[in-house]
Each structure stands twice: as structure tokens, then as C-alpha cells.
């Protein structure tokens, strides 16, 4: 079964410190997730600052309002450079999401690289073509819009 990838680049007119501090705070995650997913973090203690080995549990309803439980581990953290979250339990057969941060003139460049694989063989492949790919692209587009409203946009 195929491993899919999704990449996104966004530039924001903020300092590297501000960008890192925002994304390194797991409690900010619900702010950048579309409300139709009904994303709920299942704990709020110990989530003030991200660290390698951190486990984050949440529930969401991505398809037909069916609740799904998801457990993510922050596996790598290189302060102000990148971090990686990996699904430990949830809807994907594989989920590896790397977040990269780079200081640029006038702000910060953030790059996401997600590798993911769906379960269920040919059914998973069909679901990817019909629903999953578009939904993931929509989630990242929503995040882009929220971040531009919150921090502004680099006009270049």
C-alpha cells in the first residue's frame, strides 16, 4: 500500500521565537483545527511546552461524525528548528509529521512534511482519492488562513 506525502510552506511576519513558542505549545492546537472535525484534547495538563516523548491524546470526528481516538507522540524536538509528531494510535496505518522552522528576512518560513498511509488496502486507497486527500489539504488551508489572521502575511 502506498505511503502518501503532503507538503506545505507558509511564511509569517513573526520572529522565530514567536513562531516556535506558538507551535511548541500543544494547547494551541485546537485553534488551528477546523471546527467541523470536533477536535477535543483529552487532557490539558503538561501541555504547556512540547518535549520529546510527550504523548498527546485527542478525539476528533473526521468522517460521518464518527468519533476517532488519536494518540500522538512528539518524537523529536530540535529547539527552534523542527519537531516531529507521530501517531501511536488512530485512524492511519502511518502518520509522520515533521514541522520545520527557518528564519527568513521579515519573518519565519514554516514547512510541514507529512508522510501517511491508510489502512484497509484498496478501500483505504479509494477513501484517499475520494475524501482523505481533500480533507487533509483543507485542514492545512484552514490552518494557513488562521495563522495569517493571527500573525499577518509576508507580502512577497
Foldseek 3Di string as FASTA:
>chain_A
DDKDKDKDKAWFQDALVVVLQQVQQVVNVVLLFDCQFVKDWPDRPPRRGHDAQDKTWIWTQQPPRDIKIWIKGFHDDDRSAKTWIWTPDIFFPTWIKMWGWDADVRGIMIMIMIITHGPDPPVRVVCCVPPVVVVVVVSVVSNNVSSCVVGNGDDD
